[in-house]
Every structure is written in structure tokens, then in C-alpha cells.
Amino acid sequence: MKIIKKNLPLMLIYIFIFIMVSMIVKNLSGEGGETLSTYSDTKVPIAIIGEEHTALTEGISNALSEVSTLVELEDNKEAIQDALYFRAIYMVVRIPEGFTASVMSGNPLSLETKVIPGSTESVQVNMQINQFMKLTQLYLTGTSDLSEEKVAELVVNQLKNTTKVTMVAPDPKAVEGSLMPFFFNYLAYSYMFIMILGVSTVMRVFNRKEIKWRNACSPITSLSKSLQFLLANAVFAFGTWGILILLCLVFDARNIFKVNTLYFMLNSVVFALSVLGLGYLVGNLVKGREAVSAVANIITLSSCFISGVFVPQAFLGESVLRVASFFPTYWYVKANQQIANLTHFDFSSISGILSILLIELGFGAAFLAVSLAVGKRASQRA
């Protein structure tokens, strides 16, 4: 306990990080768990300066008004520069003299544009201009007897067409929103660091020569001592697990009584066992105090980055995921993804999840076996 208390401030930092990130995510989500930061088009203010006024230039103005707010602006250099500088407008579109005649002849003049350097607000306006010009040339090429008034009318009507998008709602029987899966995924980051640091620090102290020699004098076998260390570390592991699980349940209390939550907890228990074995292995391999913290950071951050804790696995490449599959974190996150989508709980539905849990247990058993072998060899050398 004295060893744990000495490193408690650093461990509490990672619990505090978990709490802060969870609070931020909860505040950025609606009461029902829906994320508020959905995409919507924004009309940016622009100015159109026409050196000629025809049906075609009027059509351009109507088309651009669909994606922007038209601002009247005096046609002089100082007024334009001031408007751009003070963000009164984000773009100026100048229609040159003879533009309509050039379009109707098949050799259109380019529209002159001026934007705020480095701004992205004008991207949609440029796309609308390009679309207008392409459709105009398409109509003129396909039908040679169209007037400029008719071309402008057809193009503007075409640009007004929109595609209806229907968002498929998730099954109401599944976990509502995305808070619980996020909390349990992010738990891996804090929990892994705390476990590797805590277990490794305890093992490092007991692996000192003077303490090891003193323990060697006792009538206890090496296997018995290793098992006692393992059980003591298990108490620390599940104490930490209990604190983080309690925080997960508090932050998404509306999903506590769902069956999915029980599977999330089961997955986290199995993950705790695998990380316990990893911490036990690191404790037997790493000797220096500073090295323990460095190794804990490297293992935790690297595995979480490539396993889907910080970035969803759907956004990661196949080669990255292939490397990540050598870490238990990858399988833990993968199981959480499947649990979040569970709506039926028969054996056929959960068989894939159970197989992943067995893989996680396999990691823990492998880590433990290697650490016991390393510890026995180190004892023989001492």
C-alpha cells in the first residue's frame, strides 16, 4: 500500500483525465445522447459586381443566392478591400463585359473572383459557379436554338434540385446514443496506464536484490510468492476497475439497466485481466523507476491510437489494424463495437463477442506465462 500511495498522484491524474473527457463528451451530446455537432450548410456573404446585365448574369446571381448571401458593394478597389478585410464579405465575383456573348458563342470568359487568403468559406460558392458553367455549356451543346433567357432558366432550375437523404435510425433496443460505448472505449486508456504503472512499480520494488534475498530465506516456494504477488495486484486491478466502471455508469445512467451494459462490463473485466498480465510482465522486465513511467506511456498511447480508442477503427487502415491486433486493446474495442449494436442476446448473436473475449483472455494468459518464466529465471540468477 505504501508503494501505491507514493504513486497515487500520477494515477489520479489519469482518472481525472477520464472524468474531464467524459464530461466534455456528455456536454457536447444532447440529453438523448445524440451528437449536436451535425453538418448544415452555411450561407456566406459575397458580392457580385456585373459589368453587364443580361438574363444569363441574372441567372448566375440567382444560382449563387442559393448557397450564399448577396451583399451590395460599391465597385471600387478601396471598398472591396475593406469589405474583405473586415469580413463583411468572403468573396467578390466580377462578371466581365462581353461575358454573355462569349458563353453563347461557346468560348466563355472566366469570372473574376477575389477571396480572403486562406479562407475556406468560398469553396461552396466556387463549386456552384463551376456547376453553373458546366450545365450552361451542356445545354448549349445539346440544343443550339436555345435563347440565353431559356438557358439561364433551365440551369437555375436544375441547380435547385436536391437529393433527399434519409438517416436510418438505430434499433431502439440497442444502446441509445453513443455515450456508453465511448466511455468504455476510453476507459482502456486510463486503466491501462494506471495498471502498468501500479503493478510494475510494485514488482520493481520487490525485485530489488536485498528484498529478493530476504524473501528467498522464507519457507515459501517461488510459485507461491508469484501467486501472492499476482493476487495482491489483482486486488489493485479490480479496485481501479470498480472506480472507472462506476464513473462510466454515472456518466450514462440512463443505460445502466440495459443488457448491453452488462456485456460492456464483462468485456472490461476480461480486459482488466489481460492488462494485469501485461503489467506483471512489464514489472518483471523493467528495472528503473523512470523507465516504468516511460514504458507505461509508450504502450498505452501507442496501443490506444492504433486500436480505436482515440480514432474509430473504421477510419484506420488495414495495415494499422493488423498491427493493432497484436494488442488486447484492439480486441477490447472491437468487442465494444459489437456489444453496442446488440439487439438480440441468443448464442448466435453473442458467439462472436465470446470468441473475442477468449482472445483477450489468451493475451492475459500469455503475458502471465512469460512474466512467470522471466521472474523464475531472474530468481535463479540472483
Protein backbone atom coordinates (compact mmCIF):
# COMPACT_ATOMS: atom_id res chain seq x y z
CA MET A 1 0.00 0.00 0.00
CA LYS A 2 2.88 2.39 0.72
CA ILE A 3 4.21 1.86 -2.80
CA ILE A 4 0.78 2.54 -4.34
CA LYS A 5 0.27 5.65 -2.20
CA LYS A 6 3.61 7.02 -3.35
CA ASN A 7 2.49 6.82 -6.98
CA LEU A 8 -1.14 7.69 -6.29
CA PRO A 9 -0.94 11.34 -7.53
CA LEU A 10 0.16 10.25 -11.01
CA MET A 11 -2.56 7.60 -11.15
CA LEU A 12 -5.19 10.11 -10.04
CA ILE A 13 -4.17 12.36 -12.93
CA TYR A 14 -5.31 9.69 -15.41
CA ILE A 15 -8.57 9.17 -13.55
CA PHE A 16 -9.07 12.94 -13.65
CA ILE A 17 -8.36 12.93 -17.41
CA PHE A 18 -11.00 10.24 -17.85
CA ILE A 19 -13.52 12.31 -15.87
CA MET A 20 -12.78 15.52 -17.80
CA VAL A 21 -13.01 13.88 -21.24
CA SER A 22 -16.23 12.13 -20.23
CA MET A 23 -17.76 15.39 -19.02
CA ILE A 24 -16.80 17.16 -22.25
CA VAL A 25 -18.34 14.41 -24.37
CA LYS A 26 -21.51 14.40 -22.27
CA ASN A 27 -21.84 18.19 -22.54
CA LEU A 28 -21.36 18.05 -26.32
CA SER A 29 -24.16 15.49 -26.59
CA GLY A 30 -27.87 16.01 -26.25
CA GLU A 31 -29.97 14.66 -23.44
CA GLY A 32 -30.88 11.70 -25.59
CA GLY A 33 -27.28 11.04 -26.45
CA GLU A 34 -27.46 12.45 -29.95
CA THR A 35 -24.46 14.44 -31.01
CA LEU A 36 -25.30 18.08 -31.58
CA SER A 37 -22.45 18.83 -33.95
CA THR A 38 -24.26 17.77 -37.15
CA TYR A 39 -23.43 19.30 -40.51
CA SER A 40 -25.54 22.06 -42.05
CA ASP A 41 -24.94 24.39 -44.97
CA THR A 42 -23.98 27.96 -44.12
CA LYS A 43 -24.59 30.84 -46.47
CA VAL A 44 -21.54 33.09 -46.58
CA PRO A 45 -21.80 36.75 -47.63
CA ILE A 46 -20.43 37.53 -51.10
CA ALA A 47 -20.64 40.42 -53.55
CA ILE A 48 -21.37 40.19 -57.29
CA ILE A 49 -20.17 43.04 -59.49
CA GLY A 50 -21.58 42.88 -63.00
CA GLU A 51 -20.16 44.90 -65.86
CA GLU A 52 -23.16 43.84 -67.91
CA HIS A 53 -26.74 42.93 -67.02
CA THR A 54 -28.37 40.15 -69.03
CA ALA A 55 -30.63 37.17 -68.40
CA LEU A 56 -27.57 34.94 -68.08
CA THR A 57 -25.84 37.14 -65.50
CA GLU A 58 -29.13 37.36 -63.62
CA GLY A 59 -29.21 33.56 -63.64
CA ILE A 60 -25.72 33.45 -62.13
CA SER A 61 -26.86 35.77 -59.33
CA ASN A 62 -29.93 33.60 -58.66
CA ALA A 63 -27.79 30.44 -58.60
CA LEU A 64 -25.25 31.92 -56.18
CA SER A 65 -28.02 33.21 -53.90
CA GLU A 66 -28.90 29.57 -53.21
CA VAL A 67 -25.56 28.97 -51.45
CA SER A 68 -24.62 32.47 -50.26
CA THR A 69 -25.96 35.82 -49.11
CA LEU A 70 -25.60 38.53 -51.74
CA VAL A 71 -24.26 41.84 -50.45
CA GLU A 72 -24.41 45.05 -52.46
CA LEU A 73 -20.95 46.60 -52.74
CA GLU A 74 -19.59 49.70 -54.43
CA ASP A 75 -17.34 48.94 -57.38
CA ASN A 76 -14.07 50.45 -56.26
CA LYS A 77 -10.83 48.94 -55.03
CA GLU A 78 -10.86 50.51 -51.55
CA ALA A 79 -14.45 49.41 -50.78
CA ILE A 80 -13.71 45.85 -51.91
CA GLN A 81 -10.52 45.60 -49.84
CA ASP A 82 -12.23 46.99 -46.72
CA ALA A 83 -15.16 44.56 -47.07
CA LEU A 84 -12.82 41.59 -47.39
CA TYR A 85 -10.54 42.76 -44.57
CA PHE A 86 -13.39 43.26 -42.07
CA ARG A 87 -15.12 40.00 -43.15
CA ALA A 88 -18.21 41.81 -44.37
CA ILE A 89 -17.89 39.53 -47.39
CA TYR A 90 -15.75 36.49 -48.09
CA MET A 91 -15.70 36.65 -51.87
CA VAL A 92 -16.15 39.06 -54.76
CA VAL A 93 -17.37 37.74 -58.12
CA ARG A 94 -16.87 40.06 -61.09
CA ILE A 95 -18.76 39.38 -64.33
CA PRO A 96 -16.73 40.96 -67.17
CA GLU A 97 -18.15 42.89 -70.13
CA GLY A 98 -19.00 40.57 -73.03
CA PHE A 99 -19.42 37.54 -70.77
CA THR A 100 -22.88 36.57 -72.11
CA ALA A 101 -21.82 36.76 -75.75
CA SER A 102 -18.73 34.64 -75.05
CA VAL A 103 -20.82 31.97 -73.31
CA MET A 104 -23.37 31.80 -76.12
CA SER A 105 -20.55 31.50 -78.67
CA GLY A 106 -19.05 28.52 -76.85
CA ASN A 107 -15.87 30.29 -75.63
CA PRO A 108 -16.89 31.64 -72.23
CA LEU A 109 -14.82 34.24 -70.43
CA SER A 110 -13.73 33.36 -66.91
CA LEU A 111 -15.45 35.00 -63.96
CA GLU A 112 -13.00 37.04 -61.92
CA THR A 113 -13.05 36.16 -58.22
CA LYS A 114 -11.27 37.59 -55.20
CA VAL A 115 -11.33 35.82 -51.82
CA ILE A 116 -9.84 36.23 -48.36
CA PRO A 117 -6.46 34.43 -48.42
CA GLY A 118 -6.57 31.07 -46.65
CA SER A 119 -10.35 31.08 -46.14
CA THR A 120 -12.47 28.02 -46.90
CA GLU A 121 -15.85 29.74 -46.82
CA SER A 122 -15.83 30.38 -50.58
CA VAL A 123 -15.36 26.73 -51.58
CA GLN A 124 -19.08 26.06 -51.96
CA VAL A 125 -19.55 29.27 -53.98
CA ASN A 126 -16.79 28.23 -56.38
CA MET A 127 -18.43 24.82 -56.74
CA GLN A 128 -21.74 26.49 -57.60
CA ILE A 129 -20.07 28.70 -60.22
CA ASN A 130 -18.36 25.71 -61.83
CA GLN A 131 -21.60 23.75 -61.83
CA PHE A 132 -23.47 26.66 -63.43
CA MET A 133 -20.92 27.00 -66.21
CA LYS A 134 -20.82 23.24 -66.91
CA LEU A 135 -24.60 22.98 -67.12
CA THR A 136 -24.77 26.06 -69.36
CA GLN A 137 -22.29 24.56 -71.82
CA LEU A 138 -24.13 21.23 -71.67
CA TYR A 139 -27.46 22.82 -72.63
CA LEU A 140 -25.90 24.93 -75.38
CA THR A 141 -24.08 21.93 -76.81
CA GLY A 142 -27.16 19.70 -76.73
CA THR A 143 -29.61 22.29 -78.12
CA SER A 144 -28.32 25.04 -80.40
CA ASP A 145 -31.55 27.08 -80.69
CA LEU A 146 -31.95 27.96 -77.00
CA SER A 147 -32.03 31.64 -76.06
CA GLU A 148 -29.93 32.96 -73.20
CA GLU A 149 -33.10 33.51 -71.15
CA LYS A 150 -34.15 29.89 -71.60
CA VAL A 151 -30.63 28.58 -70.83
CA ALA A 152 -30.48 30.63 -67.63
CA GLU A 153 -33.93 29.39 -66.56
CA LEU A 154 -33.08 25.74 -67.21
CA VAL A 155 -29.73 25.90 -65.40
CA VAL A 156 -31.11 27.69 -62.33
CA ASN A 157 -33.98 25.19 -62.05
CA GLN A 158 -31.52 22.32 -62.41
CA LEU A 159 -29.32 23.67 -59.62
CA LYS A 160 -32.34 23.90 -57.32
CA ASN A 161 -32.81 20.13 -57.48
CA THR A 162 -31.75 18.42 -54.28
CA THR A 163 -31.39 14.82 -53.18
CA LYS A 164 -33.43 13.66 -50.23
CA VAL A 165 -31.30 11.96 -47.59
CA THR A 166 -32.90 9.66 -45.04
CA MET A 167 -30.91 8.87 -41.90
CA VAL A 168 -31.52 5.32 -40.74
CA ALA A 169 -32.26 5.38 -37.02
CA PRO A 170 -30.60 2.75 -34.84
CA ASP A 171 -32.67 -0.04 -33.38
CA PRO A 172 -34.26 1.34 -30.16
CA LYS A 173 -33.42 -1.93 -28.40
CA ALA A 174 -29.71 -1.23 -28.78
CA VAL A 175 -27.80 1.20 -26.57
CA GLU A 176 -29.25 4.65 -27.26
CA GLY A 177 -26.75 7.25 -28.41
CA SER A 178 -23.05 6.60 -28.33
CA LEU A 179 -22.04 7.61 -24.80
CA MET A 180 -21.71 4.21 -23.15
CA PRO A 181 -19.53 2.71 -25.93
CA PHE A 182 -17.34 5.82 -25.85
CA PHE A 183 -16.90 5.74 -22.08
CA PHE A 184 -15.96 2.06 -22.06
CA ASN A 185 -13.60 2.52 -25.01
CA TYR A 186 -11.85 5.46 -23.37
CA LEU A 187 -11.64 3.51 -20.11
CA ALA A 188 -8.89 1.46 -21.79
CA TYR A 189 -6.56 4.47 -21.92
CA SER A 190 -6.73 5.43 -18.24
CA TYR A 191 -6.98 1.88 -16.97
CA MET A 192 -4.02 0.54 -18.96
CA PHE A 193 -1.68 3.30 -17.81
CA ILE A 194 -2.73 3.02 -14.17
CA MET A 195 -2.34 -0.75 -14.19
CA ILE A 196 1.05 -0.87 -15.91
CA LEU A 197 2.40 1.90 -13.66
CA GLY A 198 0.96 0.48 -10.42
CA VAL A 199 1.77 -3.19 -10.95
CA SER A 200 5.19 -2.51 -12.47
CA THR A 201 6.16 -0.20 -9.63
CA VAL A 202 5.26 -2.80 -7.00
CA MET A 203 7.09 -5.53 -8.89
CA ARG A 204 10.14 -3.32 -9.36
CA VAL A 205 10.42 -2.79 -5.61
CA PHE A 206 10.05 -6.49 -4.78
CA ASN A 207 12.60 -7.38 -7.45
CA ARG A 208 15.37 -5.45 -5.67
CA LYS A 209 18.20 -7.76 -4.69
CA GLU A 210 18.09 -7.08 -0.95
CA ILE A 211 14.32 -7.70 -0.79
CA LYS A 212 14.52 -10.68 -3.12
CA TRP A 213 17.26 -12.27 -1.00
CA ARG A 214 15.27 -11.67 2.15
CA ASN A 215 12.18 -13.30 0.61
CA ALA A 216 14.34 -16.19 -0.63
CA CYS A 217 15.13 -17.06 3.00
CA SER A 218 11.45 -17.62 3.77
CA PRO A 219 9.98 -21.14 3.54
CA ILE A 220 7.79 -20.19 0.56
CA THR A 221 8.18 -21.54 -2.94
CA SER A 222 8.77 -19.26 -5.90
CA LEU A 223 5.42 -20.25 -7.38
CA SER A 224 3.63 -19.39 -4.14
CA LYS A 225 5.32 -15.98 -3.95
CA SER A 226 4.44 -15.26 -7.58
CA LEU A 227 0.82 -16.20 -6.97
CA GLN A 228 0.66 -13.99 -3.88
CA PHE A 229 2.05 -11.07 -5.86
CA LEU A 230 -0.47 -11.78 -8.58
CA LEU A 231 -3.41 -11.89 -6.16
CA ALA A 232 -2.29 -8.66 -4.49
CA ASN A 233 -2.06 -6.99 -7.87
CA ALA A 234 -5.48 -8.42 -8.76
CA VAL A 235 -6.97 -6.61 -5.75
CA PHE A 236 -5.44 -3.36 -7.01
CA ALA A 237 -6.60 -4.11 -10.56
CA PHE A 238 -10.23 -4.70 -9.66
CA GLY A 239 -10.29 -1.79 -7.22
CA THR A 240 -9.22 0.51 -10.05
CA TRP A 241 -11.65 -1.23 -12.41
CA GLY A 242 -14.51 -0.63 -9.98
CA ILE A 243 -13.79 3.10 -9.77
CA LEU A 244 -13.70 3.56 -13.55
CA ILE A 245 -16.79 1.39 -14.10
CA LEU A 246 -18.69 3.44 -11.54
CA LEU A 247 -17.75 6.61 -13.43
CA CYS A 248 -18.95 5.07 -16.72
CA LEU A 249 -22.30 4.21 -15.19
CA VAL A 250 -22.70 7.63 -13.59
CA PHE A 251 -22.00 9.49 -16.84
CA ASP A 252 -24.57 7.44 -18.78
CA ALA A 253 -27.00 6.45 -16.04
CA ARG A 254 -29.95 6.01 -18.43
CA ASN A 255 -28.33 2.88 -19.93
CA ILE A 256 -27.34 1.19 -16.65
CA PHE A 257 -30.13 -1.39 -16.74
CA LYS A 258 -29.69 -2.40 -20.38
CA VAL A 259 -28.34 -5.87 -21.09
CA ASN A 260 -25.69 -4.29 -23.33
CA THR A 261 -24.18 -2.60 -20.27
CA LEU A 262 -23.65 -5.97 -18.59
CA TYR A 263 -21.72 -7.14 -21.65
CA PHE A 264 -19.68 -3.92 -21.62
CA MET A 265 -18.78 -4.65 -18.00
CA LEU A 266 -17.95 -8.29 -18.77
CA ASN A 267 -15.68 -7.18 -21.61
CA SER A 268 -13.94 -4.68 -19.33
CA VAL A 269 -13.37 -7.40 -16.70
CA VAL A 270 -11.69 -9.63 -19.27
CA PHE A 271 -9.65 -6.66 -20.49
CA ALA A 272 -8.62 -5.95 -16.88
CA LEU A 273 -7.26 -9.50 -16.58
CA SER A 274 -5.23 -9.18 -19.78
CA VAL A 275 -3.82 -5.79 -18.72
CA LEU A 276 -2.98 -7.25 -15.31
CA GLY A 277 -0.84 -9.86 -17.04
CA LEU A 278 0.77 -7.13 -19.16
CA GLY A 279 1.59 -5.03 -16.09
CA TYR A 280 3.02 -8.07 -14.35
CA LEU A 281 5.26 -8.73 -17.38
CA VAL A 282 6.47 -5.12 -17.59
CA GLY A 283 7.21 -5.19 -13.87
CA ASN A 284 9.48 -8.20 -14.33
CA LEU A 285 11.28 -6.72 -17.33
CA VAL A 286 11.72 -3.02 -16.49
CA LYS A 287 14.01 -2.08 -13.62
CA GLY A 288 14.37 1.71 -13.47
CA ARG A 289 11.73 3.94 -11.86
CA GLU A 290 11.71 6.48 -14.70
CA ALA A 291 11.68 3.68 -17.25
CA VAL A 292 8.44 2.27 -15.81
CA SER A 293 6.57 5.54 -16.42
CA ALA A 294 8.04 5.86 -19.91
CA VAL A 295 7.15 2.29 -20.86
CA ALA A 296 3.62 2.73 -19.46
CA ASN A 297 3.14 5.86 -21.59
CA ILE A 298 4.54 4.29 -24.75
CA ILE A 299 2.50 1.08 -24.50
CA THR A 300 -0.71 2.87 -23.52
CA LEU A 301 -0.61 5.66 -26.09
CA SER A 302 0.58 3.53 -29.00
CA SER A 303 -1.94 0.76 -28.44
CA CYS A 304 -4.84 3.20 -27.91
CA PHE A 305 -4.00 5.26 -31.00
CA ILE A 306 -3.93 2.29 -33.38
CA SER A 307 -6.63 0.17 -31.71
CA GLY A 308 -9.62 2.51 -32.00
CA VAL A 309 -9.75 4.21 -28.59
CA PHE A 310 -8.98 7.72 -29.87
CA VAL A 311 -9.82 7.18 -33.56
CA PRO A 312 -12.63 4.76 -34.56
CA GLN A 313 -11.39 1.55 -36.15
CA ALA A 314 -13.48 2.32 -39.24
CA PHE A 315 -11.15 5.24 -40.00
CA LEU A 316 -7.93 3.24 -39.62
CA GLY A 317 -6.17 1.43 -42.45
CA GLU A 318 -5.91 -2.33 -42.75
CA SER A 319 -2.16 -2.34 -42.10
CA VAL A 320 -2.63 -0.30 -38.91
CA LEU A 321 -5.37 -2.61 -37.67
CA ARG A 322 -3.23 -5.63 -38.48
CA VAL A 323 -0.51 -4.30 -36.18
CA ALA A 324 -3.12 -3.31 -33.58
CA SER A 325 -4.43 -6.88 -33.45
CA PHE A 326 -1.28 -7.81 -31.50
CA PHE A 327 -2.59 -5.71 -28.58
CA PRO A 328 -5.52 -6.70 -26.33
CA THR A 329 -6.83 -3.14 -26.66
CA TYR A 330 -7.79 -3.79 -30.29
CA TRP A 331 -9.94 -6.77 -29.35
CA TYR A 332 -11.44 -4.92 -26.39
CA VAL A 333 -12.60 -2.04 -28.63
CA LYS A 334 -13.82 -4.44 -31.31
CA ALA A 335 -15.93 -6.29 -28.75
CA ASN A 336 -17.38 -2.98 -27.53
CA GLN A 337 -18.42 -2.11 -31.08
CA GLN A 338 -20.28 -5.38 -31.43
CA ILE A 339 -21.87 -5.06 -27.99
CA ALA A 340 -23.14 -1.56 -28.82
CA ASN A 341 -25.06 -3.00 -31.80
CA LEU A 342 -26.54 -5.98 -29.95
CA THR A 343 -30.33 -6.21 -30.08
CA HIS A 344 -30.72 -9.96 -29.56
CA PHE A 345 -28.89 -11.95 -26.92
CA ASP A 346 -29.13 -15.54 -28.08
CA PHE A 347 -25.99 -17.61 -28.53
CA SER A 348 -25.71 -16.96 -32.25
CA SER A 349 -25.72 -13.20 -31.64
CA ILE A 350 -23.13 -13.21 -28.87
CA SER A 351 -20.89 -16.01 -30.14
CA GLY A 352 -18.63 -13.53 -31.96
CA ILE A 353 -18.27 -11.46 -28.79
CA LEU A 354 -17.47 -14.53 -26.69
CA SER A 355 -14.73 -15.55 -29.13
CA ILE A 356 -13.19 -12.08 -28.81
CA LEU A 357 -13.27 -12.36 -25.01
CA LEU A 358 -11.40 -15.64 -25.28
CA ILE A 359 -8.75 -13.91 -27.38
CA GLU A 360 -8.38 -11.23 -24.69
CA LEU A 361 -8.02 -13.92 -22.03
CA GLY A 362 -5.41 -15.57 -24.24
CA PHE A 363 -3.39 -12.36 -24.22
CA GLY A 364 -3.58 -12.21 -20.42
CA ALA A 365 -2.53 -15.86 -20.05
CA ALA A 366 0.37 -15.37 -22.46
CA PHE A 367 1.58 -12.25 -20.64
CA LEU A 368 1.34 -14.04 -17.31
CA ALA A 369 3.17 -17.15 -18.52
CA VAL A 370 6.03 -15.10 -19.95
CA SER A 371 6.26 -12.96 -16.80
CA LEU A 372 6.39 -16.03 -14.55
CA ALA A 373 9.13 -17.53 -16.71
CA VAL A 374 11.09 -14.24 -16.64
CA GLY A 375 10.62 -13.94 -12.86
CA LYS A 376 11.79 -17.51 -12.24
CA ARG A 377 14.87 -17.03 -14.41
CA ALA A 378 15.70 -13.78 -12.65
CA SER A 379 15.39 -15.50 -9.26
CA GLN A 380 17.78 -18.24 -10.35
CA ARG A 381 20.34 -15.64 -11.47
CA ALA A 382 20.05 -13.78 -8.17
